[in-house]
Protein backbone atom coordinates (compact mmCIF):
# COMPACT_ATOMS: atom_id res chain seq x y z
CA UNK A 1 140.51 91.11 92.59
CA UNK A 2 138.64 93.75 90.45
CA UNK A 3 138.74 97.38 91.33
CA UNK A 4 135.61 99.21 91.34
CA UNK A 5 136.81 101.84 89.23
CA UNK A 6 137.37 99.82 86.13
CA UNK A 7 135.15 99.90 83.08
CA UNK A 8 133.65 96.68 82.05
CA UNK A 9 132.33 95.79 78.54
CA UNK A 10 129.40 93.15 78.46
CA UNK A 11 128.85 90.69 75.84
CA UNK A 12 126.57 92.72 74.14
CA UNK A 13 128.93 95.34 73.55
CA UNK A 14 127.46 97.91 76.45
CA UNK A 15 130.39 99.40 78.59
CA UNK A 16 129.87 100.80 81.68
CA UNK A 17 132.57 103.49 83.13
CA UNK A 18 132.97 101.37 86.44
CA UNK A 19 131.56 98.46 88.66
CA UNK A 20 128.94 100.45 90.66
CA UNK A 21 125.27 100.47 89.55
CA UNK A 22 122.00 101.80 91.48
CA UNK A 23 120.09 98.93 92.64
CA UNK A 24 116.40 98.92 91.62
CA UNK A 25 113.93 100.35 94.20
CA UNK A 26 110.34 101.13 94.21
CA UNK A 27 109.40 104.79 94.42
CA UNK A 28 105.97 104.98 93.51
CA UNK A 29 106.89 108.34 92.02
CA UNK A 30 104.79 107.36 88.30
CA UNK A 31 101.23 108.91 87.63
CA UNK A 32 98.38 106.49 88.02
CA UNK A 33 98.81 104.99 84.79
CA UNK A 34 102.53 104.20 85.15
CA UNK A 35 103.65 107.26 83.03
CA UNK A 36 106.99 108.89 84.22
CA UNK A 37 106.83 111.99 86.05
CA UNK A 38 109.24 114.96 86.43
CA UNK A 39 109.84 113.91 89.64
CA UNK A 40 111.10 110.54 88.96
CA UNK A 41 113.45 111.94 86.29
CA UNK A 42 114.80 114.24 88.84
CA UNK A 43 115.28 111.47 91.42
CA UNK A 44 116.98 109.28 88.83
CA UNK A 45 119.50 112.08 87.69
CA UNK A 46 120.66 113.34 90.88
CA UNK A 47 121.72 109.87 91.67
CA UNK A 48 123.13 109.03 88.42
CA UNK A 49 126.32 110.95 88.90
CA UNK A 50 129.22 108.52 89.78
CA UNK A 51 127.58 105.12 89.20
CA UNK A 52 128.36 103.26 86.14
CA UNK A 53 124.57 102.23 85.73
CA UNK A 54 121.50 102.87 86.86
CA UNK A 55 118.69 100.06 87.24
CA UNK A 56 115.38 101.71 87.38
CA UNK A 57 112.79 100.41 89.66
CA UNK A 58 110.48 97.86 88.26
CA UNK A 59 108.38 98.57 85.17
CA UNK A 60 105.30 96.59 84.34
CA UNK A 61 104.83 94.55 80.99
CA UNK A 62 101.11 94.22 81.21
CA UNK A 63 98.38 96.00 83.05
CA UNK A 64 97.32 92.89 85.08
CA UNK A 65 101.19 92.66 86.02
CA UNK A 66 101.08 96.06 87.96
CA UNK A 67 102.10 95.40 91.45
CA UNK A 68 101.28 98.72 93.28
CA UNK A 69 100.13 102.46 92.78
CA UNK A 70 102.81 104.59 91.29
CA UNK A 71 104.32 101.82 89.43
CA UNK A 72 106.17 102.41 86.20
CA UNK A 73 104.80 101.22 83.08
CA UNK A 74 106.20 99.88 79.64
CA UNK A 75 103.14 97.94 78.69
CA UNK A 76 102.02 100.65 76.10
CA UNK A 77 103.77 102.66 73.03
CA UNK A 78 102.11 105.61 74.64
CA UNK A 79 104.86 105.18 77.48
CA UNK A 80 107.80 105.58 75.11
CA UNK A 81 108.29 109.37 75.10
CA UNK A 82 108.35 109.78 78.66
CA UNK A 83 110.42 106.73 79.33
CA UNK A 84 112.94 108.31 76.58
CA UNK A 85 112.97 111.38 78.60
CA UNK A 86 113.83 109.11 81.75
CA UNK A 87 116.68 107.33 79.70
CA UNK A 88 118.16 110.58 78.49
CA UNK A 89 118.21 112.24 82.06
CA UNK A 90 119.96 109.10 83.35
CA UNK A 91 122.35 109.09 80.42
CA UNK A 92 123.20 112.62 80.55
CA UNK A 93 124.59 112.54 84.05
CA UNK A 94 126.93 110.03 83.06
CA UNK A 95 125.33 106.65 83.71
CA UNK A 96 123.80 103.95 81.54
CA UNK A 97 120.10 103.29 81.87
CA UNK A 98 118.87 99.80 82.61
CA UNK A 99 115.09 99.74 82.90
CA UNK A 100 113.83 96.70 84.88
CA UNK A 101 110.79 95.08 83.71
CA UNK A 102 108.45 92.93 85.73
CA UNK A 103 105.00 91.20 86.07
CA UNK A 104 103.48 90.85 89.58
CA UNK A 105 101.90 87.89 89.37
CA UNK A 106 100.06 86.85 92.64
CA UNK A 107 102.17 89.56 94.57
CA UNK A 108 99.32 92.02 93.77
CA UNK A 109 95.72 92.70 94.27
CA UNK A 110 92.57 93.49 93.22
CA UNK A 111 92.37 97.29 94.56
CA UNK A 112 95.75 97.89 92.54
CA UNK A 113 94.31 96.13 89.25
CA UNK A 114 90.79 97.94 89.34
CA UNK A 115 88.98 94.73 90.51
CA UNK A 116 90.46 92.36 88.40
CA UNK A 117 91.55 89.08 89.98
CA UNK A 118 95.51 88.73 89.94
CA UNK A 119 97.18 85.98 87.80
CA UNK A 120 100.01 83.25 88.57
CA UNK A 121 101.29 80.08 87.25
CA UNK A 122 98.83 78.25 89.35
CA UNK A 123 96.02 79.34 91.82
CA UNK A 124 97.86 79.46 94.88
CA UNK A 125 97.98 82.43 97.31
CA UNK A 126 101.37 83.87 98.40
CA UNK A 127 102.36 82.76 101.93
CA UNK A 128 101.99 86.15 103.56
CA UNK A 129 98.91 87.54 105.78
CA UNK A 130 95.78 88.59 103.52
CA UNK A 131 97.22 87.43 100.45
CA UNK A 132 94.67 86.98 97.65
CA UNK A 133 94.29 83.74 95.64
CA UNK A 134 95.11 84.30 92.00
CA UNK A 135 93.96 82.80 89.16
CA UNK A 136 95.87 79.97 87.00
CA UNK A 137 97.15 81.25 83.74
CA UNK A 138 95.68 79.61 80.37
CA UNK A 139 98.52 78.46 78.24
CA UNK A 140 97.43 81.12 76.03
CA UNK A 141 98.07 83.96 78.69
CA UNK A 142 101.35 82.54 79.49
CA UNK A 143 102.54 83.19 75.81
CA UNK A 144 101.06 86.56 75.36
CA UNK A 145 102.61 87.38 78.91
CA UNK A 146 106.04 86.07 77.57
CA UNK A 147 105.38 88.21 74.42
CA UNK A 148 104.51 91.09 76.71
CA UNK A 149 108.17 91.09 77.99
CA UNK A 150 109.12 90.83 74.17
CA UNK A 151 107.38 93.78 73.52
CA UNK A 152 108.45 95.99 76.54
CA UNK A 153 111.96 95.19 75.71
CA UNK A 154 111.00 96.61 72.24
CA UNK A 155 109.70 99.98 73.89
CA UNK A 156 112.67 99.99 75.93
CA UNK A 157 114.94 100.11 72.82
CA UNK A 158 112.82 102.55 71.28
CA UNK A 159 113.12 104.94 74.10
CA UNK A 160 116.91 104.77 74.06
CA UNK A 161 117.55 102.67 77.18
CA UNK A 162 120.97 101.01 77.38
CA UNK A 163 119.28 97.57 78.44
CA UNK A 164 116.72 95.85 80.40
CA UNK A 165 116.85 93.79 83.41
CA UNK A 166 114.47 90.83 83.69
CA UNK A 167 112.87 90.65 87.26
CA UNK A 168 113.27 87.19 88.04
CA UNK A 169 113.49 88.06 91.63
CA UNK A 170 111.40 88.78 95.02
CA UNK A 171 108.82 86.30 94.39
CA UNK A 172 107.07 88.21 91.23
CA UNK A 173 105.90 86.42 88.02
CA UNK A 174 108.97 84.86 86.57
CA UNK A 175 110.14 83.53 89.84
CA UNK A 176 106.53 82.12 90.44
CA UNK A 177 106.69 79.97 87.31
CA UNK A 178 110.24 78.56 88.53
CA UNK A 179 108.86 78.00 92.48
CA UNK A 180 107.24 74.82 93.28
CA UNK A 181 105.20 76.71 95.82
CA UNK A 182 103.45 79.15 93.19
CA UNK A 183 103.51 76.55 90.23
CA UNK A 184 101.75 73.37 90.38
CA UNK A 185 100.96 73.14 86.73
CA UNK A 186 100.96 69.77 84.74
CA UNK A 187 101.22 71.16 81.42
CA UNK A 188 104.41 72.30 79.68
CA UNK A 189 104.80 75.14 81.87
CA UNK A 190 105.17 73.10 85.04
CA UNK A 191 106.52 70.03 86.62
CA UNK A 192 110.19 69.28 87.85
CA UNK A 193 112.80 71.70 88.26
CA UNK A 194 113.78 71.55 84.29
CA UNK A 195 110.22 71.79 83.50
CA UNK A 196 109.65 74.94 85.87
CA UNK A 197 112.61 76.56 83.81
CA UNK A 198 110.61 76.60 80.73
CA UNK A 199 109.27 79.95 81.23
CA UNK A 200 112.63 81.82 81.88
CA UNK A 201 113.90 79.64 78.37
CA UNK A 202 111.03 80.95 76.42
CA UNK A 203 111.38 84.40 77.90
CA UNK A 204 114.77 84.62 76.84
CA UNK A 205 114.27 83.48 73.47
CA UNK A 206 111.56 86.15 73.22
CA UNK A 207 113.51 89.03 74.62
CA UNK A 208 116.86 88.15 72.63
CA UNK A 209 114.97 87.85 69.52
CA UNK A 210 113.48 91.16 70.12
CA UNK A 211 116.92 92.74 70.57
CA UNK A 212 118.11 91.19 67.63
CA UNK A 213 115.42 92.46 65.50
CA UNK A 214 115.21 96.15 67.02
CA UNK A 215 118.67 97.18 68.72
CA UNK A 216 120.58 99.24 66.21
CA UNK A 217 123.16 99.56 68.69
CA UNK A 218 124.63 97.61 71.64
CA UNK A 219 121.61 96.54 74.08
CA UNK A 220 122.20 94.46 77.11
CA UNK A 221 120.10 92.16 79.06
CA UNK A 222 120.43 91.16 82.65
CA UNK A 223 118.54 88.71 84.95
CA UNK A 224 117.91 89.26 88.70
CA UNK A 225 117.06 86.24 90.86
CA UNK A 226 116.33 85.57 94.25
CA UNK A 227 118.26 82.31 95.35
CA UNK A 228 115.98 80.74 98.21
CA UNK A 229 112.42 80.88 99.26
CA UNK A 230 111.43 80.43 103.16
CA UNK A 231 107.93 78.71 101.84
CA UNK A 232 107.56 74.88 101.92
CA UNK A 233 107.63 73.56 99.10
CA UNK A 234 109.90 76.53 98.02
CA UNK A 235 112.81 77.39 95.90
CA UNK A 236 115.95 75.62 97.32
CA UNK A 237 119.62 76.85 96.66
CA UNK A 238 120.55 73.69 94.89
CA UNK A 239 117.56 74.19 92.42
CA UNK A 240 118.65 77.75 91.99
CA UNK A 241 122.22 76.47 90.97
CA UNK A 242 120.39 74.70 88.22
CA UNK A 243 118.83 77.95 87.11
CA UNK A 244 122.10 79.96 87.17
CA UNK A 245 123.60 77.12 84.78
CA UNK A 246 120.89 77.81 82.57
CA UNK A 247 121.22 81.40 82.72
CA UNK A 248 124.84 81.28 82.34
CA UNK A 249 124.42 79.51 78.95
CA UNK A 250 122.67 82.16 77.32
CA UNK A 251 123.29 85.46 75.86
CA UNK A 252 123.03 87.37 79.12
CA UNK A 253 125.12 90.29 80.22
CA UNK A 254 124.73 90.02 83.92
CA UNK A 255 123.29 87.86 86.52
CA UNK A 256 122.25 90.01 89.41
CA UNK A 257 121.58 88.15 92.75
CA UNK A 258 119.13 89.89 94.91
CA UNK A 259 120.14 89.56 98.77
CA UNK A 260 119.54 91.41 102.05
CA UNK A 261 123.22 91.34 102.65
CA UNK A 262 126.12 90.82 100.25
CA UNK A 263 127.89 88.30 102.75
CA UNK A 264 124.40 86.30 103.17
CA UNK A 265 124.53 82.55 103.80
CA UNK A 266 122.23 79.93 102.50
CA UNK A 267 119.49 78.54 104.61
CA UNK A 268 119.93 75.18 102.77
CA UNK A 269 122.33 73.33 104.99
CA UNK A 270 124.64 71.87 102.33
CA UNK A 271 125.51 75.55 101.25
CA UNK A 272 126.50 77.19 104.51
CA UNK A 273 130.48 76.99 104.64
CA UNK A 274 130.68 80.28 102.52
CA UNK A 275 128.47 82.91 100.94
CA UNK A 276 125.86 82.69 98.85
CA UNK A 277 127.84 84.87 96.43
CA UNK A 278 130.76 82.90 96.68
CA UNK A 279 128.68 79.64 95.81
CA UNK A 280 127.20 81.83 92.87
CA UNK A 281 130.40 82.65 91.70
CA UNK A 282 131.72 79.40 91.72
CA UNK A 283 128.70 78.03 89.70
CA UNK A 284 128.82 80.76 87.09
CA UNK A 285 132.46 79.99 86.57
CA UNK A 286 133.17 82.98 84.52
CA UNK A 287 130.62 82.73 82.13
CA UNK A 288 128.81 86.08 82.82
CA UNK A 289 129.34 88.90 85.24
CA UNK A 290 127.79 88.60 88.33
CA UNK A 291 126.20 91.40 90.33
CA UNK A 292 126.27 91.71 94.33
CA UNK A 293 123.88 93.48 96.50
CA UNK A 294 122.98 93.59 100.10
CA UNK A 295 123.58 96.64 102.59
CA UNK A 296 126.53 97.86 100.84
CA UNK A 297 127.28 101.12 102.29
CA UNK A 298 131.06 102.08 102.45
CA UNK A 299 134.35 101.41 100.50
CA UNK A 300 135.08 98.11 102.55
CA UNK A 301 131.52 96.72 101.76
CA UNK A 302 132.33 97.33 97.98
CA UNK A 303 135.48 95.63 98.43
CA UNK A 304 134.12 92.68 99.94
CA UNK A 305 131.41 92.21 97.27
CA UNK A 306 133.83 92.51 94.68
CA UNK A 307 135.83 89.42 95.99
CA UNK A 308 132.99 87.34 94.68
CA UNK A 309 131.25 89.33 91.93
CA UNK A 310 132.09 91.52 88.84
CA UNK A 311 129.71 94.70 89.90
CA UNK A 312 127.97 95.89 92.94
CA UNK A 313 124.81 97.31 93.27
CA UNK A 314 123.83 99.92 95.89
CA UNK A 315 120.30 100.85 96.86
CA UNK A 316 119.32 102.55 100.22
CA UNK A 317 122.72 104.05 100.64
CA UNK A 318 122.30 105.97 97.29
CA UNK A 319 118.47 106.86 98.27
CA UNK A 320 119.63 108.96 101.33
CA UNK A 321 123.38 109.72 100.12
CA UNK A 322 122.97 110.69 96.21
CA UNK A 323 126.48 111.48 95.91
CA UNK A 324 127.57 108.42 97.38
CA UNK A 325 129.46 107.10 94.47
CA UNK A 326 131.23 110.15 93.68
CA UNK A 327 132.34 110.49 97.09
CA UNK A 328 133.82 107.03 96.76
CA UNK A 329 135.42 107.62 93.39
CA UNK A 330 137.15 110.91 94.47
CA UNK A 331 138.30 109.75 97.73
CA UNK A 332 136.01 111.67 99.92
CA UNK A 333 134.98 108.88 102.19
CA UNK A 334 134.85 110.79 105.11
CA UNK A 335 131.66 112.69 103.72
CA UNK A 336 129.79 109.58 102.97
CA UNK A 337 126.59 109.33 105.21
CA UNK A 338 126.92 106.52 107.87
CA UNK A 339 123.85 106.90 110.48
CA UNK A 340 121.09 104.11 110.33
CA UNK A 341 118.77 104.61 107.18
CA UNK A 342 115.93 105.40 109.64
CA UNK A 343 117.74 108.15 111.23
CA UNK A 344 118.54 109.35 107.48
CA UNK A 345 114.98 109.35 106.56
CA UNK A 346 113.75 111.31 109.68
CA UNK A 347 116.26 113.99 108.90
CA UNK A 348 115.48 113.99 105.03
CA UNK A 349 111.69 113.51 104.97
CA UNK A 350 111.16 117.07 103.61
CA UNK A 351 113.38 116.49 100.70
CA UNK A 352 111.20 113.55 99.13
CA UNK A 353 108.15 114.28 97.32
CA UNK A 354 104.95 112.94 98.82
CA UNK A 355 104.42 109.33 97.07
CA UNK A 356 107.87 108.56 97.84
CA UNK A 357 107.94 109.90 101.37
CA UNK A 358 104.88 108.16 102.15
CA UNK A 359 106.04 104.73 100.99
CA UNK A 360 109.45 105.17 103.00
CA UNK A 361 107.66 106.52 106.18
CA UNK A 362 105.89 102.64 106.05
CA UNK A 363 109.08 100.98 105.45
CA UNK A 364 111.10 102.96 108.30
CA UNK A 365 108.02 103.73 110.59
CA UNK A 366 108.89 107.31 110.97
CA UNK A 367 105.50 108.55 110.30
CA UNK A 368 105.33 111.63 112.80
CA UNK A 369 102.55 111.92 115.23
CA UNK A 370 100.12 114.56 114.14
């Protein structure tokens, strides 16, 4: 079994010092236009000690792909200098810097887009309360968006990041093209499961072409997926295994499986004898590293995750326990914070800047009564 202290060299040549990564998390700390703030840099630097890599929160590749206020942006060359400061800050603390890039698709709203209607693969609203109906993208817009991911990759390279992660999970645009719920197209971008993978195929070709053209040193590309959807019709696990096959045959450096718990079991009846990560590992069959995530809080969680994966991504624990990885590496497990996250937020609220504190208050329902 893999030890979390072991280094790993990816296919691209990038090497991480250990198997611990900080999972991408929304913080809403960027300026209104998506430019990196000093608070944002300090936030990531504080958590970079001990982990092998930091995956930033999502950065939008187009203005029309912005998902929420305070979201990072990599949609314009003007963002490069501050993105460079962010990458340098993470690297100075000893971790590799990976920029997650995204287009929200239908998972945004007009208020966030200055009145513009959200777009998606098809004009189908998300299955959530008060979801807005998106406009179906034209073929020209689809191709322009794929190129926008390529342009964002170039900017990440020029900003000095060690890699990018394509956010193909959590029902954002890349997933929307794969999902039979959000993709009802009858052109080259829609149809059966193979045709719905056309978007990701074209996306990977553009991104890897960009890396080949612009990267002068090793630069990794990861891909995050969500294995199932609750919607009907929606992505089912057997379809995800087909997508995994496609991804595993590409030049990707890792596959990141987005889960609420690392030991989560699939909803699909034929895949409930073992965990989702176990089935993913079986399908990947060593063709590329797999990243596991979901409620990893202590050494035992890390050990159990690494039974099925090659790396472990940690989110909330690092949010409230910035020295968690260092404690683990140095054997100070007794100092790891173990209280419920809502309790930790109540105690630590004053340590977070206002945008992040407000966002966390919404999540943990800990807004104090005035």
